[in-house]
């Protein structure tokens, strides 16, 4: 008979045994930030840690140069622990992915130590380019999750939360074409592409009054002409469109596009647009897995805050796409005061702080213990699978990691 409590004690001991190595890896990644699909340093650091403790590692897994995979175990539920390690342009690890990556390999190492005893298989998967590149979607399309029964990761934040309000998002690039003319001598001969872009922006600003309070639209101009005395023949903008669900995203995309096209029509210009793939899906949290994680993170001395009692924590992640194909969770682990937001310079400091280090170790322990629960408790794995099937039946999970363009796009 499996002694689950003893297995979790063993997990804690393994994390403690490798604490110095894990924290050193976190610090090294933090000090060497790399953008999506360029994380060669982080890829090497994390893969080397796994190899040094004797785990098999496939570098450049699934044909992605900065992805890696380590699989330990020969049967039972196959649970994936996901690692992120890319940084943000100009601001470094303001999302704390150095913590995500090292907590992930820590959980994998600890779970691997009890895999044979508990009769399960752990997949430690390095997933690059979460910050816009959709590395998890690329890996899913190449078969990384085909045999996976459940997946999990932890993300640093200002509070300990069971979930992250991850909503669907797709990026849009728009280019306006007009006709150049001398702005003083012959303005009547021109067609102002910048006017088209500005009118489209104003239209979207008006649209914001009439969308759901949990939807988001934001954009910037990337081209706006070259000289004030020349009517701009070309202008361009980048937009993010977000909605709580994939279905809602498709509808909102059509409304945004109509606003932007109207700006072009009003200015006598033409407009081209491209919806950038991969789009990110909303997060479908698996409640039985959340319950397991809650118990296990509280074993570390942390207190979970009920997200319902807070202002919504909203963002987007390619983990949402994975949650549509396998049971998944994306809890948040506190590394900073609640007043410090991710994607800020202040958060960069906390990702390398003592609290950040504690999150690496606590996150590793809680995730590995959750994997152990799924291996050792058949009823827990069954509840996880049944909850995901119900989400599929209700249309909350699409069964695909790739969001289609949708009829309105």
Protein backbone atom coordinates (compact mmCIF):
# COMPACT_ATOMS: atom_id res chain seq x y z
CA UNK A 1 0.00 0.00 0.00
CA UNK A 2 1.29 3.42 -0.96
CA UNK A 3 2.17 5.77 1.90
CA UNK A 4 1.30 9.11 0.29
CA UNK A 5 2.24 11.16 3.34
CA UNK A 6 5.70 9.59 3.38
CA UNK A 7 6.05 10.24 -0.35
CA UNK A 8 5.28 13.91 0.18
CA UNK A 9 7.84 14.07 2.97
CA UNK A 10 10.33 12.58 0.52
CA UNK A 11 9.38 15.25 -2.03
CA UNK A 12 10.04 17.98 0.52
CA UNK A 13 13.42 16.45 1.31
CA UNK A 14 14.42 16.24 -2.35
CA UNK A 15 13.52 19.89 -2.95
CA UNK A 16 15.52 20.89 0.14
CA UNK A 17 18.45 18.77 -1.04
CA UNK A 18 18.56 20.59 -4.38
CA UNK A 19 17.60 24.04 -3.09
CA UNK A 20 20.99 25.65 -3.68
CA UNK A 21 21.16 24.41 -7.25
CA UNK A 22 17.60 25.51 -8.02
CA UNK A 23 18.10 28.99 -6.58
CA UNK A 24 21.42 29.41 -8.38
CA UNK A 25 19.68 28.52 -11.65
CA UNK A 26 16.90 31.02 -10.92
CA UNK A 27 19.44 33.78 -10.26
CA UNK A 28 21.48 32.98 -13.37
CA UNK A 29 18.40 33.11 -15.59
CA UNK A 30 17.24 36.33 -13.94
CA UNK A 31 20.62 37.94 -14.56
CA UNK A 32 20.62 36.92 -18.25
CA UNK A 33 17.14 37.74 -19.63
CA UNK A 34 16.33 36.44 -23.10
CA UNK A 35 13.37 36.99 -25.40
CA UNK A 36 11.07 34.27 -26.68
CA UNK A 37 12.67 31.53 -28.79
CA UNK A 38 16.07 33.06 -27.97
CA UNK A 39 16.43 31.55 -24.46
CA UNK A 40 19.60 29.57 -25.21
CA UNK A 41 21.22 30.43 -21.88
CA UNK A 42 18.14 29.51 -19.82
CA UNK A 43 17.63 26.36 -21.89
CA UNK A 44 21.18 25.29 -21.14
CA UNK A 45 20.97 26.13 -17.44
CA UNK A 46 17.75 24.20 -16.84
CA UNK A 47 18.65 21.21 -19.00
CA UNK A 48 22.04 20.95 -17.29
CA UNK A 49 20.45 20.92 -13.82
CA UNK A 50 18.25 18.00 -14.85
CA UNK A 51 21.17 16.14 -16.42
CA UNK A 52 23.38 16.73 -13.38
CA UNK A 53 20.87 14.98 -11.10
CA UNK A 54 20.74 12.04 -13.48
CA UNK A 55 17.50 12.67 -15.38
CA UNK A 56 17.31 12.05 -19.14
CA UNK A 57 16.88 15.25 -21.14
CA UNK A 58 16.03 15.92 -24.76
CA UNK A 59 17.38 19.33 -25.66
CA UNK A 60 15.75 21.27 -28.51
CA UNK A 61 12.71 19.05 -28.06
CA UNK A 62 10.11 18.75 -30.83
CA UNK A 63 12.33 20.71 -33.17
CA UNK A 64 12.14 23.90 -31.07
CA UNK A 65 15.74 25.00 -30.34
CA UNK A 66 15.04 26.34 -26.85
CA UNK A 67 12.54 23.71 -25.68
CA UNK A 68 13.49 20.67 -23.62
CA UNK A 69 11.80 17.53 -22.28
CA UNK A 70 12.60 15.06 -19.55
CA UNK A 71 10.37 12.01 -19.02
CA UNK A 72 10.67 9.81 -15.92
CA UNK A 73 8.43 6.82 -15.23
CA UNK A 74 6.98 3.99 -17.29
CA UNK A 75 3.27 3.91 -16.53
CA UNK A 76 0.38 5.36 -14.58
CA UNK A 77 -0.95 8.88 -15.13
CA UNK A 78 1.39 11.00 -17.26
CA UNK A 79 1.58 14.46 -15.65
CA UNK A 80 3.41 17.39 -17.26
CA UNK A 81 5.10 20.11 -15.22
CA UNK A 82 5.64 23.14 -17.45
CA UNK A 83 8.56 25.55 -17.29
CA UNK A 84 8.74 29.07 -18.71
CA UNK A 85 11.94 31.12 -18.89
CA UNK A 86 11.61 33.90 -21.47
CA UNK A 87 11.81 37.58 -20.50
CA UNK A 88 10.21 40.83 -21.60
CA UNK A 89 11.86 43.27 -24.02
CA UNK A 90 13.59 46.12 -22.24
CA UNK A 91 12.49 45.12 -18.74
CA UNK A 92 13.86 41.62 -18.27
CA UNK A 93 12.22 39.15 -15.89
CA UNK A 94 9.36 41.44 -14.88
CA UNK A 95 7.05 38.42 -15.12
CA UNK A 96 9.28 36.23 -12.99
CA UNK A 97 9.75 33.43 -15.48
CA UNK A 98 13.05 32.57 -13.83
CA UNK A 99 10.89 31.41 -10.90
CA UNK A 100 8.51 29.47 -13.13
CA UNK A 101 11.31 27.61 -14.86
CA UNK A 102 13.21 26.63 -11.73
CA UNK A 103 10.11 25.77 -9.68
CA UNK A 104 9.11 23.54 -12.61
CA UNK A 105 12.35 21.60 -12.76
CA UNK A 106 12.40 21.40 -8.96
CA UNK A 107 8.94 19.85 -9.01
CA UNK A 108 10.02 17.49 -11.75
CA UNK A 109 13.13 16.35 -9.90
CA UNK A 110 11.13 15.75 -6.71
CA UNK A 111 8.32 13.95 -8.50
CA UNK A 112 10.82 11.80 -10.36
CA UNK A 113 12.20 10.62 -7.01
CA UNK A 114 8.85 9.03 -6.11
CA UNK A 115 7.61 8.10 -9.61
CA UNK A 116 8.50 4.42 -9.36
CA UNK A 117 7.09 4.14 -5.84
CA UNK A 118 3.78 5.79 -6.81
CA UNK A 119 3.53 4.26 -10.27
CA UNK A 120 3.37 7.39 -12.40
CA UNK A 121 5.19 9.29 -15.14
CA UNK A 122 6.32 12.90 -14.95
CA UNK A 123 7.07 15.02 -18.01
CA UNK A 124 9.25 18.07 -17.34
CA UNK A 125 8.62 20.28 -20.34
CA UNK A 126 10.55 23.46 -21.12
CA UNK A 127 8.17 25.76 -22.97
CA UNK A 128 9.78 28.86 -24.52
CA UNK A 129 8.24 32.11 -25.70
CA UNK A 130 5.18 32.56 -23.50
CA UNK A 131 5.42 36.34 -23.86
CA UNK A 132 3.67 36.50 -27.21
CA UNK A 133 5.38 33.67 -29.09
CA UNK A 134 3.04 30.87 -28.09
CA UNK A 135 5.72 28.27 -27.44
CA UNK A 136 3.25 25.91 -25.76
CA UNK A 137 0.98 26.05 -28.80
CA UNK A 138 3.89 25.18 -31.07
CA UNK A 139 4.81 22.23 -28.85
CA UNK A 140 1.20 21.07 -28.70
CA UNK A 141 0.94 21.16 -32.48
CA UNK A 142 4.06 18.97 -32.63
CA UNK A 143 2.67 16.34 -30.28
CA UNK A 144 4.12 17.27 -26.89
CA UNK A 145 0.80 16.78 -25.08
CA UNK A 146 -0.62 13.81 -26.97
CA UNK A 147 0.02 11.33 -24.15
CA UNK A 148 -0.32 13.80 -21.26
CA UNK A 149 -3.13 13.25 -18.73
CA UNK A 150 -2.80 16.60 -16.89
CA UNK A 151 -0.53 19.65 -16.80
CA UNK A 152 0.38 22.30 -14.25
CA UNK A 153 2.70 25.22 -13.53
CA UNK A 154 2.95 28.08 -11.04
CA UNK A 155 3.32 31.78 -11.81
CA UNK A 156 4.74 34.46 -9.47
CA UNK A 157 2.49 37.33 -8.41
CA UNK A 158 1.65 39.52 -5.43
CA UNK A 159 -0.67 36.99 -3.79
CA UNK A 160 -1.08 33.25 -3.40
CA UNK A 161 -4.03 32.40 -5.65
CA UNK A 162 -5.45 29.15 -6.95
CA UNK A 163 -6.00 30.58 -10.40
CA UNK A 164 -5.12 33.37 -12.82
CA UNK A 165 -7.81 35.27 -14.71
CA UNK A 166 -6.35 34.37 -18.09
CA UNK A 167 -8.56 35.50 -20.95
CA UNK A 168 -8.35 34.89 -24.68
CA UNK A 169 -6.24 37.24 -26.77
CA UNK A 170 -5.17 37.75 -30.34
CA UNK A 171 -2.83 40.36 -31.76
CA UNK A 172 -3.69 42.39 -34.83
CA UNK A 173 -1.42 44.29 -37.19
CA UNK A 174 -3.07 46.96 -39.34
CA UNK A 175 -1.53 48.94 -42.19
CA UNK A 176 -3.20 51.93 -43.86
CA UNK A 177 -2.36 53.10 -47.37
CA UNK A 178 -3.09 56.63 -48.61
CA UNK A 179 -1.49 59.00 -51.09
CA UNK A 180 1.40 61.34 -50.38
CA UNK A 181 1.18 65.04 -51.20
CA UNK A 182 2.74 68.30 -50.04
CA UNK A 183 0.82 69.17 -46.92
CA UNK A 184 0.94 72.93 -47.60
CA UNK A 185 1.09 73.25 -51.39
CA UNK A 186 -1.40 70.54 -52.40
CA UNK A 187 -3.12 68.87 -49.44
CA UNK A 188 -6.15 68.20 -51.62
CA UNK A 189 -4.09 65.77 -53.66
CA UNK A 190 -3.31 63.58 -50.68
CA UNK A 191 -5.11 60.88 -48.78
CA UNK A 192 -3.88 60.84 -45.19
CA UNK A 193 -3.08 57.35 -43.91
CA UNK A 194 -2.38 58.74 -40.44
CA UNK A 195 -5.87 60.25 -40.36
CA UNK A 196 -7.22 56.79 -41.18
CA UNK A 197 -5.27 55.28 -38.28
CA UNK A 198 -6.35 58.03 -35.87
CA UNK A 199 -10.00 57.75 -36.86
CA UNK A 200 -9.82 53.99 -36.40
CA UNK A 201 -8.28 54.51 -32.96
CA UNK A 202 -11.05 56.93 -31.98
CA UNK A 203 -13.66 54.45 -33.20
CA UNK A 204 -12.17 51.74 -30.98
CA UNK A 205 -12.11 54.17 -28.06
CA UNK A 206 -15.85 54.70 -28.54
CA UNK A 207 -16.39 50.95 -28.84
CA UNK A 208 -14.83 50.45 -25.40
CA UNK A 209 -17.92 51.97 -23.82
CA UNK A 210 -20.04 49.15 -25.20
CA UNK A 211 -18.03 46.00 -24.60
CA UNK A 212 -18.10 43.68 -21.62
CA UNK A 213 -16.31 44.98 -18.50
CA UNK A 214 -14.00 41.96 -18.63
CA UNK A 215 -12.98 42.53 -22.27
CA UNK A 216 -9.95 44.57 -23.25
CA UNK A 217 -8.75 46.37 -26.40
CA UNK A 218 -5.46 48.27 -26.53
CA UNK A 219 -3.18 49.42 -29.31
CA UNK A 220 -0.31 51.62 -30.41
CA UNK A 221 0.76 53.37 -33.61
CA UNK A 222 3.92 51.87 -35.09
CA UNK A 223 4.12 54.07 -38.20
CA UNK A 224 2.76 57.60 -38.46
CA UNK A 225 4.42 59.30 -41.41
CA UNK A 226 7.90 60.65 -42.00
CA UNK A 227 7.65 64.45 -42.14
CA UNK A 228 4.99 66.95 -41.02
CA UNK A 229 4.91 68.66 -44.43
CA UNK A 230 4.17 65.42 -46.29
CA UNK A 231 0.71 63.86 -46.15
CA UNK A 232 1.46 60.36 -44.78
CA UNK A 233 0.99 57.72 -47.43
CA UNK A 234 1.37 54.91 -44.92
CA UNK A 235 0.52 54.36 -41.26
CA UNK A 236 0.37 51.26 -39.11
CA UNK A 237 -0.84 50.10 -35.70
CA UNK A 238 -0.63 47.05 -33.46
CA UNK A 239 -3.65 46.00 -31.41
CA UNK A 240 -4.40 43.45 -28.68
CA UNK A 241 -7.98 42.19 -28.50
CA UNK A 242 -9.01 40.21 -25.39
CA UNK A 243 -12.20 38.51 -24.27
CA UNK A 244 -12.98 36.00 -21.47
CA UNK A 245 -13.63 33.17 -23.93
CA UNK A 246 -12.59 32.08 -27.40
CA UNK A 247 -16.17 32.51 -28.61
CA UNK A 248 -16.32 36.04 -27.25
CA UNK A 249 -12.95 36.83 -28.80
CA UNK A 250 -14.19 35.97 -32.27
CA UNK A 251 -17.16 38.29 -31.87
CA UNK A 252 -15.08 41.15 -30.48
CA UNK A 253 -12.50 40.81 -33.25
CA UNK A 254 -15.18 41.49 -35.84
CA UNK A 255 -16.33 44.65 -34.04
CA UNK A 256 -12.78 45.97 -33.68
CA UNK A 257 -12.03 45.33 -37.32
CA UNK A 258 -15.16 47.23 -38.36
CA UNK A 259 -14.03 50.24 -36.33
CA UNK A 260 -10.59 50.26 -37.90
CA UNK A 261 -11.94 49.79 -41.43
CA UNK A 262 -14.35 52.67 -40.90
CA UNK A 263 -11.38 54.93 -40.20
CA UNK A 264 -9.83 53.97 -43.51
CA UNK A 265 -13.10 54.51 -45.36
CA UNK A 266 -13.62 57.93 -43.82
CA UNK A 267 -10.13 59.08 -44.81
CA UNK A 268 -10.35 57.71 -48.34
CA UNK A 269 -7.63 55.15 -47.65
CA UNK A 270 -7.28 51.40 -47.86
CA UNK A 271 -6.47 49.07 -45.01
CA UNK A 272 -4.73 45.70 -44.71
CA UNK A 273 -4.86 43.59 -41.57
CA UNK A 274 -3.25 40.42 -40.23
CA UNK A 275 -4.38 38.50 -37.16
CA UNK A 276 -1.19 37.13 -35.65
CA UNK A 277 -1.02 33.47 -34.67
CA UNK A 278 -1.01 31.82 -32.30
CA UNK A 279 -3.92 33.37 -30.51
CA UNK A 280 -4.10 32.63 -26.79
CA UNK A 281 -7.16 30.90 -25.36
CA UNK A 282 -8.80 31.53 -22.00
CA UNK A 283 -7.74 29.38 -19.05
CA UNK A 284 -10.05 26.47 -18.23
CA UNK A 285 -9.10 25.68 -14.63
CA UNK A 286 -9.58 22.11 -13.46
CA UNK A 287 -11.33 22.31 -10.09
CA UNK A 288 -10.26 18.92 -8.68
CA UNK A 289 -6.62 19.77 -9.45
CA UNK A 290 -7.05 23.20 -7.86
CA UNK A 291 -8.33 21.52 -4.68
CA UNK A 292 -5.26 19.28 -4.60
CA UNK A 293 -2.90 22.20 -5.16
CA UNK A 294 -4.61 24.28 -2.47
CA UNK A 295 -3.96 21.57 0.12
CA UNK A 296 -0.37 21.11 -1.00
CA UNK A 297 0.60 24.78 -1.13
CA UNK A 298 -0.85 25.24 2.35
CA UNK A 299 1.56 22.50 3.50
CA UNK A 300 4.33 25.03 2.82
CA UNK A 301 2.80 27.53 5.25
CA UNK A 302 1.19 29.75 2.64
CA UNK A 303 -2.40 31.01 2.84
CA UNK A 304 -4.43 31.02 -0.34
CA UNK A 305 -6.44 34.18 -1.02
CA UNK A 306 -9.87 33.68 -2.53
CA UNK A 307 -9.68 35.42 -5.97
CA UNK A 308 -13.43 36.07 -5.90
CA UNK A 309 -12.84 38.58 -3.12
CA UNK A 310 -10.32 40.56 -5.16
CA UNK A 311 -10.36 42.78 -8.20
CA UNK A 312 -9.93 40.55 -11.22
CA UNK A 313 -6.36 39.50 -11.98
CA UNK A 314 -6.51 39.65 -15.77
CA UNK A 315 -3.96 38.73 -18.41
CA UNK A 316 -3.35 36.15 -21.08
CA UNK A 317 -1.11 33.10 -21.42
CA UNK A 318 -0.51 30.23 -23.80
CA UNK A 319 -1.17 27.93 -20.83
CA UNK A 320 -4.79 28.74 -21.63
CA UNK A 321 -4.42 26.85 -24.90
CA UNK A 322 -3.07 23.81 -23.09
CA UNK A 323 -6.02 23.88 -20.68
CA UNK A 324 -8.31 23.31 -23.68
CA UNK A 325 -6.64 19.98 -24.53
CA UNK A 326 -5.69 18.48 -21.13
CA UNK A 327 -6.78 19.12 -17.52
CA UNK A 328 -4.65 22.03 -16.31
CA UNK A 329 -4.08 24.57 -13.56
CA UNK A 330 -2.13 27.85 -13.44
CA UNK A 331 -2.00 28.99 -9.79
CA UNK A 332 -0.19 32.14 -8.66
CA UNK A 333 2.48 32.18 -5.95
CA UNK A 334 3.31 35.30 -3.97
CA UNK A 335 6.75 36.87 -4.34
CA UNK A 336 5.89 40.55 -3.79
CA UNK A 337 3.41 42.75 -1.93
CA UNK A 338 -0.08 42.78 -3.50
CA UNK A 339 0.46 46.38 -4.62
CA UNK A 340 3.33 45.42 -6.94
CA UNK A 341 2.09 44.42 -10.39
CA UNK A 342 3.83 42.01 -12.73
CA UNK A 343 5.41 43.46 -15.88
CA UNK A 344 6.87 46.38 -13.90
CA UNK A 345 10.42 47.34 -12.94
CA UNK A 346 9.56 46.81 -9.27
CA UNK A 347 8.54 43.22 -9.94
CA UNK A 348 11.92 42.52 -11.54
CA UNK A 349 13.54 43.04 -8.13
CA UNK A 350 11.11 40.73 -6.36
CA UNK A 351 11.74 37.95 -8.88
CA UNK A 352 15.33 37.84 -7.57
CA UNK A 353 14.49 38.45 -3.90
CA UNK A 354 14.39 36.16 -0.88
CA UNK A 355 10.62 35.92 -1.38
CA UNK A 356 11.21 34.95 -4.99
CA UNK A 357 13.60 32.23 -3.86
CA UNK A 358 11.05 30.93 -1.38
CA UNK A 359 8.49 30.76 -4.19
CA UNK A 360 10.81 28.56 -6.24
CA UNK A 361 11.04 26.02 -3.44
CA UNK A 362 7.44 26.22 -2.22
CA UNK A 363 6.14 26.04 -5.78
CA UNK A 364 8.29 22.99 -6.50
CA UNK A 365 7.05 21.24 -3.36
CA UNK A 366 3.38 21.99 -3.99
CA UNK A 367 3.43 20.97 -7.63
CA UNK A 368 5.33 17.75 -6.99
CA UNK A 369 2.92 16.87 -4.17
CA UNK A 370 -0.02 17.52 -6.51
CA UNK A 371 1.53 15.19 -9.08
CA UNK A 372 1.91 12.60 -6.31
CA UNK A 373 -1.79 12.93 -5.44
CA UNK A 374 -2.78 12.28 -9.05
CA UNK A 375 -0.54 9.19 -9.14
CA UNK A 376 -1.44 7.69 -5.78
CA UNK A 377 -5.13 8.52 -5.57
CA UNK A 378 -7.09 7.00 -8.48
CA UNK A 379 -10.23 8.84 -7.39
CA UNK A 380 -8.41 12.19 -7.69
CA UNK A 381 -7.21 11.41 -11.21
CA UNK A 382 -10.70 10.22 -12.15
CA UNK A 383 -12.28 13.43 -10.81
CA UNK A 384 -9.75 15.48 -12.77
CA UNK A 385 -10.57 13.63 -15.98
CA UNK A 386 -14.31 13.85 -15.41
CA UNK A 387 -14.18 17.59 -14.74
CA UNK A 388 -12.30 18.14 -17.99
CA UNK A 389 -14.79 16.01 -19.90
CA UNK A 390 -17.60 18.11 -18.46
CA UNK A 391 -15.84 21.29 -19.60
CA UNK A 392 -15.57 19.82 -23.10
CA UNK A 393 -19.25 18.87 -23.09
CA UNK A 394 -20.26 22.36 -21.98
CA UNK A 395 -18.12 23.98 -24.67
CA UNK A 396 -15.74 25.62 -22.18
CA UNK A 397 -12.83 23.53 -23.47
CA UNK A 398 -12.46 23.30 -27.23
CA UNK A 399 -10.23 20.25 -27.43
CA UNK A 400 -7.70 22.14 -29.53
CA UNK A 401 -4.64 24.22 -28.65
CA UNK A 402 -5.10 26.31 -31.78
CA UNK A 403 -7.74 29.02 -31.93
CA UNK A 404 -9.32 29.21 -35.36
CA UNK A 405 -9.81 32.53 -37.08
CA UNK A 406 -13.56 32.33 -36.57
CA UNK A 407 -16.21 33.22 -39.16
CA UNK A 408 -16.24 36.88 -38.16
CA UNK A 409 -12.48 37.39 -38.65
